[in-house]
Amino acid sequence: MNVIHKLKRLNKIMKTIFQIAALSIIALLTACEGNTDYTWKVTNNSSSSITAYSFGILDTTANVKQIASGNTETVLLGGQMGGNSTAQQPETYLSSLVIVNAEGDTAQKDFTNLENWESSIDQVKKTPSQYEHEYVFQVSDLDF
């Protein structure tokens, strides 16, 4: 009977060790995943105030930003699990971006073209891999 009791106790200890090891591995793998944050901004280099109407790919209502001349506003924030150093195409996160000036004219500059955005990608942490992307779409009087 003493041997059976010792085997049961050993079995319980082994189960506990296995559970702790499994949870530790899950925590370690999750911590190694990393993260990438995306910020999409509009800079108003025109001579009048503008209004930016943006829709993220998951938005059901427009994000509306009034932007005074010379100012910059964030029109969309996004992110993903995992560190990513590759520039993202705007339409991956923005389904629509309409910019209207004070006179009611709509900007003709193509927001879907990554070349129309100034981008900066910074690795802020190596382990786990953490990146911050910033994309800035500048409009001037010539874009209307």
N, C-alpha and C. Protein backbone atom coordinates (compact mmCIF):
# COMPACT_ATOMS: atom_id res chain seq x y z
N MET A 1 0.82 -1.19 0.00
CA MET A 1 0.00 0.00 0.00
C MET A 1 0.87 1.26 0.00
N ASN A 2 1.94 1.21 0.68
CA ASN A 2 2.86 2.32 0.75
C ASN A 2 3.44 2.64 -0.63
N VAL A 3 3.72 1.59 -1.43
CA VAL A 3 4.27 1.77 -2.77
C VAL A 3 3.23 2.43 -3.67
N ILE A 4 1.98 2.01 -3.59
CA ILE A 4 0.90 2.59 -4.40
C ILE A 4 0.72 4.06 -4.05
N HIS A 5 0.77 4.37 -2.78
CA HIS A 5 0.65 5.77 -2.35
C HIS A 5 1.79 6.62 -2.91
N LYS A 6 3.01 6.09 -2.89
CA LYS A 6 4.16 6.81 -3.42
C LYS A 6 4.03 7.00 -4.93
N LEU A 7 3.53 5.99 -5.65
CA LEU A 7 3.35 6.11 -7.11
C LEU A 7 2.30 7.15 -7.45
N LYS A 8 1.21 7.19 -6.68
CA LYS A 8 0.17 8.19 -6.91
C LYS A 8 0.71 9.60 -6.68
N ARG A 9 1.49 9.72 -5.61
CA ARG A 9 2.08 11.03 -5.31
C ARG A 9 3.07 11.45 -6.40
N LEU A 10 3.89 10.52 -6.87
CA LEU A 10 4.84 10.79 -7.95
C LEU A 10 4.10 11.17 -9.23
N ASN A 11 3.01 10.49 -9.52
CA ASN A 11 2.20 10.79 -10.70
C ASN A 11 1.63 12.21 -10.61
N LYS A 12 1.16 12.58 -9.43
CA LYS A 12 0.61 13.93 -9.23
C LYS A 12 1.70 14.99 -9.42
N ILE A 13 2.89 14.73 -8.90
CA ILE A 13 4.02 15.66 -9.06
C ILE A 13 4.39 15.80 -10.54
N MET A 14 4.43 14.68 -11.25
CA MET A 14 4.77 14.70 -12.68
C MET A 14 3.74 15.50 -13.49
N LYS A 15 2.46 15.34 -13.16
CA LYS A 15 1.41 16.10 -13.85
C LYS A 15 1.58 17.59 -13.61
N THR A 16 1.89 17.96 -12.37
CA THR A 16 2.10 19.36 -12.03
C THR A 16 3.30 19.93 -12.79
N ILE A 17 4.39 19.19 -12.84
CA ILE A 17 5.57 19.64 -13.58
C ILE A 17 5.25 19.80 -15.06
N PHE A 18 4.52 18.85 -15.62
CA PHE A 18 4.13 18.93 -17.03
C PHE A 18 3.26 20.16 -17.29
N GLN A 19 2.30 20.42 -16.41
CA GLN A 19 1.43 21.59 -16.59
C GLN A 19 2.23 22.89 -16.51
N ILE A 20 3.13 22.98 -15.56
CA ILE A 20 3.97 24.18 -15.44
C ILE A 20 4.84 24.35 -16.68
N ALA A 21 5.43 23.26 -17.16
CA ALA A 21 6.27 23.33 -18.37
C ALA A 21 5.45 23.75 -19.58
N ALA A 22 4.25 23.20 -19.73
CA ALA A 22 3.40 23.55 -20.87
C ALA A 22 3.01 25.03 -20.82
N LEU A 23 2.62 25.52 -19.65
CA LEU A 23 2.27 26.93 -19.52
C LEU A 23 3.47 27.84 -19.77
N SER A 24 4.64 27.42 -19.33
CA SER A 24 5.85 28.21 -19.56
C SER A 24 6.18 28.29 -21.04
N ILE A 25 6.04 27.19 -21.75
CA ILE A 25 6.31 27.18 -23.19
C ILE A 25 5.32 28.07 -23.92
N ILE A 26 4.05 27.99 -23.56
CA ILE A 26 3.03 28.84 -24.19
C ILE A 26 3.34 30.31 -23.94
N ALA A 27 3.68 30.65 -22.70
CA ALA A 27 4.02 32.04 -22.37
C ALA A 27 5.24 32.50 -23.14
N LEU A 28 6.24 31.65 -23.26
CA LEU A 28 7.46 32.01 -23.98
C LEU A 28 7.17 32.23 -25.46
N LEU A 29 6.40 31.34 -26.06
CA LEU A 29 6.08 31.49 -27.48
C LEU A 29 5.23 32.72 -27.74
N THR A 30 4.31 33.01 -26.85
CA THR A 30 3.48 34.21 -27.00
C THR A 30 4.34 35.46 -26.86
N ALA A 31 5.26 35.47 -25.93
CA ALA A 31 6.13 36.64 -25.73
C ALA A 31 7.05 36.86 -26.91
N CYS A 32 7.39 35.82 -27.64
CA CYS A 32 8.30 35.93 -28.77
C CYS A 32 7.60 36.41 -30.04
N GLU A 33 6.28 36.49 -29.99
CA GLU A 33 5.50 36.85 -31.17
C GLU A 33 5.84 38.25 -31.67
N GLY A 34 5.96 39.19 -30.79
CA GLY A 34 6.22 40.57 -31.20
C GLY A 34 4.95 41.28 -31.62
N ASN A 35 5.10 42.49 -32.13
CA ASN A 35 3.96 43.31 -32.49
C ASN A 35 4.41 44.40 -33.46
N THR A 36 3.48 44.85 -34.29
CA THR A 36 3.73 45.96 -35.19
C THR A 36 2.58 46.95 -35.08
N ASP A 37 2.89 48.21 -34.86
CA ASP A 37 1.89 49.27 -34.78
C ASP A 37 1.99 50.15 -36.02
N TYR A 38 0.83 50.53 -36.56
CA TYR A 38 0.76 51.37 -37.75
C TYR A 38 0.02 52.66 -37.42
N THR A 39 0.58 53.79 -37.87
CA THR A 39 -0.07 55.09 -37.72
C THR A 39 -0.12 55.74 -39.09
N TRP A 40 -1.33 56.12 -39.52
CA TRP A 40 -1.55 56.77 -40.81
C TRP A 40 -1.98 58.20 -40.53
N LYS A 41 -1.25 59.18 -41.11
CA LYS A 41 -1.49 60.60 -40.83
C LYS A 41 -1.67 61.38 -42.12
N VAL A 42 -2.33 62.53 -41.99
CA VAL A 42 -2.47 63.47 -43.10
C VAL A 42 -1.89 64.81 -42.65
N THR A 43 -1.01 65.38 -43.49
CA THR A 43 -0.44 66.70 -43.24
C THR A 43 -1.05 67.68 -44.22
N ASN A 44 -1.53 68.80 -43.69
CA ASN A 44 -2.14 69.83 -44.52
C ASN A 44 -1.11 70.91 -44.83
N ASN A 45 -0.57 70.87 -46.05
CA ASN A 45 0.34 71.91 -46.51
C ASN A 45 -0.36 72.91 -47.43
N SER A 46 -1.69 72.88 -47.44
CA SER A 46 -2.44 73.81 -48.27
C SER A 46 -2.64 75.12 -47.51
N SER A 47 -3.24 76.09 -48.19
CA SER A 47 -3.42 77.41 -47.59
C SER A 47 -4.72 77.53 -46.79
N SER A 48 -5.55 76.48 -46.79
CA SER A 48 -6.81 76.53 -46.03
C SER A 48 -7.00 75.24 -45.24
N SER A 49 -7.96 75.26 -44.35
CA SER A 49 -8.28 74.06 -43.59
C SER A 49 -8.82 72.98 -44.52
N ILE A 50 -8.61 71.73 -44.13
CA ILE A 50 -9.14 70.60 -44.89
C ILE A 50 -9.89 69.67 -43.93
N THR A 51 -10.71 68.83 -44.50
CA THR A 51 -11.39 67.78 -43.75
C THR A 51 -11.00 66.45 -44.37
N ALA A 52 -10.51 65.53 -43.55
CA ALA A 52 -10.14 64.19 -44.03
C ALA A 52 -11.17 63.20 -43.53
N TYR A 53 -11.76 62.47 -44.47
CA TYR A 53 -12.72 61.41 -44.17
C TYR A 53 -12.03 60.08 -44.47
N SER A 54 -11.79 59.29 -43.46
CA SER A 54 -11.09 58.02 -43.68
C SER A 54 -11.93 56.86 -43.16
N PHE A 55 -11.81 55.74 -43.86
CA PHE A 55 -12.41 54.49 -43.44
C PHE A 55 -11.30 53.45 -43.35
N GLY A 56 -11.13 52.84 -42.19
CA GLY A 56 -10.26 51.68 -42.09
C GLY A 56 -11.00 50.48 -42.66
N ILE A 57 -10.28 49.42 -42.94
CA ILE A 57 -10.92 48.27 -43.58
C ILE A 57 -11.98 47.62 -42.69
N LEU A 58 -11.94 47.86 -41.39
CA LEU A 58 -12.94 47.29 -40.49
C LEU A 58 -13.93 48.32 -39.97
N ASP A 59 -13.82 49.57 -40.42
CA ASP A 59 -14.70 50.64 -39.94
C ASP A 59 -16.06 50.59 -40.60
N THR A 60 -17.09 50.94 -39.84
CA THR A 60 -18.43 51.06 -40.40
C THR A 60 -18.86 52.51 -40.51
N THR A 61 -18.14 53.41 -39.86
CA THR A 61 -18.40 54.84 -39.99
C THR A 61 -17.08 55.55 -40.28
N ALA A 62 -17.19 56.70 -40.92
CA ALA A 62 -15.99 57.46 -41.29
C ALA A 62 -15.34 58.08 -40.06
N ASN A 63 -14.02 58.12 -40.08
CA ASN A 63 -13.26 58.90 -39.12
C ASN A 63 -13.08 60.27 -39.76
N VAL A 64 -13.55 61.31 -39.10
CA VAL A 64 -13.52 62.65 -39.68
C VAL A 64 -12.55 63.52 -38.87
N LYS A 65 -11.60 64.13 -39.59
CA LYS A 65 -10.62 65.00 -38.94
C LYS A 65 -10.58 66.34 -39.65
N GLN A 66 -10.76 67.41 -38.89
CA GLN A 66 -10.55 68.77 -39.39
C GLN A 66 -9.06 69.07 -39.18
N ILE A 67 -8.38 69.49 -40.25
CA ILE A 67 -6.94 69.73 -40.14
C ILE A 67 -6.64 71.15 -40.61
N ALA A 68 -6.17 71.97 -39.70
CA ALA A 68 -5.82 73.35 -40.03
C ALA A 68 -4.56 73.37 -40.90
N SER A 69 -4.41 74.45 -41.65
CA SER A 69 -3.24 74.62 -42.50
C SER A 69 -1.96 74.50 -41.66
N GLY A 70 -1.01 73.69 -42.15
CA GLY A 70 0.25 73.50 -41.46
C GLY A 70 0.25 72.43 -40.38
N ASN A 71 -0.89 71.79 -40.16
CA ASN A 71 -0.98 70.78 -39.11
C ASN A 71 -1.05 69.36 -39.67
N THR A 72 -0.83 68.41 -38.78
CA THR A 72 -0.90 66.98 -39.10
C THR A 72 -1.82 66.31 -38.11
N GLU A 73 -2.67 65.41 -38.61
CA GLU A 73 -3.58 64.65 -37.75
C GLU A 73 -3.51 63.17 -38.09
N THR A 74 -3.67 62.33 -37.08
CA THR A 74 -3.76 60.89 -37.29
C THR A 74 -5.15 60.55 -37.79
N VAL A 75 -5.20 59.80 -38.91
CA VAL A 75 -6.50 59.40 -39.47
C VAL A 75 -6.81 57.93 -39.24
N LEU A 76 -5.79 57.14 -38.88
CA LEU A 76 -6.03 55.72 -38.63
C LEU A 76 -4.89 55.13 -37.82
N LEU A 77 -5.25 54.28 -36.87
CA LEU A 77 -4.28 53.50 -36.11
C LEU A 77 -4.56 52.03 -36.38
N GLY A 78 -3.52 51.24 -36.51
CA GLY A 78 -3.70 49.81 -36.73
C GLY A 78 -2.54 49.04 -36.15
N GLY A 79 -2.63 47.73 -36.21
CA GLY A 79 -1.56 46.90 -35.70
C GLY A 79 -1.75 45.46 -36.08
N GLN A 80 -0.72 44.69 -35.81
CA GLN A 80 -0.78 43.26 -36.08
C GLN A 80 0.15 42.54 -35.13
N MET A 81 -0.14 41.29 -34.88
CA MET A 81 0.75 40.45 -34.09
C MET A 81 1.95 40.10 -34.95
N GLY A 82 3.11 40.08 -34.35
CA GLY A 82 4.33 39.75 -35.08
C GLY A 82 5.05 41.00 -35.53
N GLY A 83 6.35 40.98 -35.44
CA GLY A 83 7.15 42.11 -35.91
C GLY A 83 7.24 42.11 -37.42
N ASN A 84 6.99 43.26 -38.04
CA ASN A 84 7.00 43.37 -39.50
C ASN A 84 7.76 44.62 -39.91
N SER A 85 8.84 44.43 -40.66
CA SER A 85 9.66 45.57 -41.10
C SER A 85 9.33 45.99 -42.52
N THR A 86 8.35 45.37 -43.15
CA THR A 86 8.00 45.65 -44.53
C THR A 86 6.94 46.75 -44.61
N ALA A 87 7.17 47.73 -45.49
CA ALA A 87 6.18 48.79 -45.69
C ALA A 87 4.86 48.19 -46.18
N GLN A 88 3.76 48.72 -45.66
CA GLN A 88 2.44 48.20 -45.99
C GLN A 88 1.76 49.09 -47.03
N GLN A 89 1.06 48.47 -47.94
CA GLN A 89 0.27 49.22 -48.92
C GLN A 89 -0.88 49.90 -48.19
N PRO A 90 -1.19 51.15 -48.53
CA PRO A 90 -2.25 51.87 -47.81
C PRO A 90 -3.60 51.15 -47.79
N GLU A 91 -3.98 50.53 -48.91
CA GLU A 91 -5.30 49.90 -48.96
C GLU A 91 -5.38 48.64 -48.10
N THR A 92 -4.26 48.20 -47.55
CA THR A 92 -4.28 47.09 -46.60
C THR A 92 -5.01 47.50 -45.33
N TYR A 93 -4.94 48.77 -44.97
CA TYR A 93 -5.57 49.27 -43.75
C TYR A 93 -6.63 50.33 -44.01
N LEU A 94 -6.44 51.14 -45.05
CA LEU A 94 -7.39 52.21 -45.38
C LEU A 94 -8.23 51.80 -46.58
N SER A 95 -9.53 51.72 -46.39
CA SER A 95 -10.37 51.40 -47.55
C SER A 95 -10.76 52.66 -48.30
N SER A 96 -10.70 53.82 -47.63
CA SER A 96 -11.06 55.07 -48.28
C SER A 96 -10.42 56.24 -47.54
N LEU A 97 -9.98 57.23 -48.32
CA LEU A 97 -9.48 58.49 -47.76
C LEU A 97 -9.88 59.60 -48.71
N VAL A 98 -10.81 60.43 -48.27
CA VAL A 98 -11.29 61.56 -49.07
C VAL A 98 -10.93 62.83 -48.32
N ILE A 99 -10.27 63.75 -49.03
CA ILE A 99 -9.83 65.00 -48.41
C ILE A 99 -10.48 66.15 -49.17
N VAL A 100 -11.17 67.01 -48.42
CA VAL A 100 -11.91 68.13 -49.00
C VAL A 100 -11.38 69.42 -48.38
N ASN A 101 -11.12 70.43 -49.26
CA ASN A 101 -10.64 71.71 -48.73
C ASN A 101 -11.83 72.61 -48.37
N ALA A 102 -11.53 73.81 -47.85
CA ALA A 102 -12.56 74.74 -47.39
C ALA A 102 -13.49 75.19 -48.51
N GLU A 103 -13.01 75.15 -49.76
CA GLU A 103 -13.83 75.54 -50.91
C GLU A 103 -14.72 74.40 -51.40
N GLY A 104 -14.58 73.22 -50.81
CA GLY A 104 -15.39 72.07 -51.22
C GLY A 104 -14.76 71.22 -52.31
N ASP A 105 -13.52 71.53 -52.68
CA ASP A 105 -12.82 70.73 -53.70
C ASP A 105 -12.23 69.47 -53.05
N THR A 106 -12.24 68.38 -53.81
CA THR A 106 -11.70 67.10 -53.33
C THR A 106 -10.29 66.90 -53.87
N ALA A 107 -9.39 66.48 -52.99
CA ALA A 107 -8.01 66.22 -53.40
C ALA A 107 -7.98 65.08 -54.41
N GLN A 108 -7.15 65.25 -55.44
CA GLN A 108 -7.04 64.25 -56.51
C GLN A 108 -5.84 63.32 -56.32
N LYS A 109 -5.05 63.55 -55.31
CA LYS A 109 -3.86 62.73 -55.05
C LYS A 109 -4.31 61.32 -54.62
N ASP A 110 -3.68 60.31 -55.22
CA ASP A 110 -4.07 58.91 -55.00
C ASP A 110 -3.52 58.38 -53.68
N PHE A 111 -4.42 58.15 -52.72
CA PHE A 111 -3.97 57.65 -51.42
C PHE A 111 -3.56 56.18 -51.47
N THR A 112 -3.96 55.44 -52.50
CA THR A 112 -3.63 54.01 -52.57
C THR A 112 -2.20 53.75 -53.04
N ASN A 113 -1.54 54.79 -53.54
CA ASN A 113 -0.16 54.65 -54.03
C ASN A 113 0.81 54.91 -52.87
N LEU A 114 1.54 53.89 -52.46
CA LEU A 114 2.47 54.02 -51.34
C LEU A 114 3.51 55.12 -51.58
N GLU A 115 3.84 55.39 -52.84
CA GLU A 115 4.81 56.44 -53.15
C GLU A 115 4.31 57.83 -52.78
N ASN A 116 3.00 57.99 -52.59
CA ASN A 116 2.44 59.27 -52.17
C ASN A 116 2.47 59.46 -50.65
N TRP A 117 2.99 58.49 -49.95
CA TRP A 117 3.10 58.55 -48.50
C TRP A 117 4.57 58.60 -48.11
N GLU A 118 4.89 59.44 -47.14
CA GLU A 118 6.22 59.39 -46.53
C GLU A 118 6.13 58.34 -45.43
N SER A 119 7.04 57.39 -45.45
CA SER A 119 6.95 56.33 -44.45
C SER A 119 8.24 56.23 -43.65
N SER A 120 8.07 55.88 -42.39
CA SER A 120 9.21 55.58 -41.54
C SER A 120 8.87 54.31 -40.76
N ILE A 121 9.85 53.41 -40.72
CA ILE A 121 9.67 52.14 -40.03
C ILE A 121 10.81 52.00 -39.04
N ASP A 122 10.46 51.90 -37.78
CA ASP A 122 11.46 51.81 -36.72
C ASP A 122 11.29 50.52 -35.92
N GLN A 123 12.39 49.81 -35.72
CA GLN A 123 12.36 48.66 -34.82
C GLN A 123 12.64 49.21 -33.43
N VAL A 124 11.65 49.15 -32.56
CA VAL A 124 11.78 49.72 -31.23
C VAL A 124 12.22 48.69 -30.20
N LYS A 125 12.13 47.40 -30.57
CA LYS A 125 12.56 46.34 -29.67
C LYS A 125 12.92 45.12 -30.50
N LYS A 126 14.02 44.48 -30.14
CA LYS A 126 14.46 43.30 -30.91
C LYS A 126 13.78 42.02 -30.46
N THR A 127 13.68 41.79 -29.16
CA THR A 127 13.06 40.56 -28.67
C THR A 127 12.07 40.89 -27.57
N PRO A 128 10.80 40.63 -27.76
CA PRO A 128 10.21 40.19 -29.02
C PRO A 128 10.23 41.34 -30.02
N SER A 129 10.22 40.99 -31.27
CA SER A 129 10.33 41.97 -32.35
C SER A 129 9.16 42.96 -32.31
N GLN A 130 9.48 44.24 -32.18
CA GLN A 130 8.46 45.29 -32.09
C GLN A 130 8.80 46.38 -33.09
N TYR A 131 7.86 46.68 -33.99
CA TYR A 131 8.06 47.71 -35.00
C TYR A 131 6.97 48.76 -34.89
N GLU A 132 7.34 50.00 -35.25
CA GLU A 132 6.38 51.10 -35.37
C GLU A 132 6.51 51.67 -36.77
N HIS A 133 5.39 51.69 -37.48
CA HIS A 133 5.34 52.27 -38.82
C HIS A 133 4.56 53.58 -38.74
N GLU A 134 5.05 54.59 -39.45
CA GLU A 134 4.31 55.84 -39.57
C GLU A 134 4.25 56.21 -41.04
N TYR A 135 3.05 56.50 -41.52
CA TYR A 135 2.83 56.88 -42.91
C TYR A 135 2.15 58.24 -42.91
N VAL A 136 2.72 59.19 -43.68
CA VAL A 136 2.20 60.55 -43.73
C VAL A 136 1.86 60.91 -45.17
N PHE A 137 0.61 61.30 -45.38
CA PHE A 137 0.09 61.71 -46.68
C PHE A 137 -0.01 63.23 -46.65
N GLN A 138 0.78 63.92 -47.49
CA GLN A 138 0.79 65.37 -47.49
C GLN A 138 -0.03 65.91 -48.65
N VAL A 139 -0.86 66.91 -48.35
CA VAL A 139 -1.62 67.56 -49.41
C VAL A 139 -1.29 69.04 -49.44
N SER A 140 -1.26 69.58 -50.65
CA SER A 140 -1.00 71.01 -50.85
C SER A 140 -2.10 71.57 -51.75
N ASP A 141 -2.05 72.87 -52.02
CA ASP A 141 -3.06 73.50 -52.89
C ASP A 141 -3.07 72.86 -54.28
N LEU A 142 -1.93 72.37 -54.75
CA LEU A 142 -1.84 71.76 -56.08
C LEU A 142 -2.60 70.44 -56.19
N ASP A 143 -2.92 69.82 -55.06
CA ASP A 143 -3.62 68.53 -55.07
C ASP A 143 -5.13 68.67 -55.24
N PHE A 144 -5.63 69.92 -55.22
CA PHE A 144 -7.09 70.14 -55.35
C PHE A 144 -7.45 70.68 -56.72
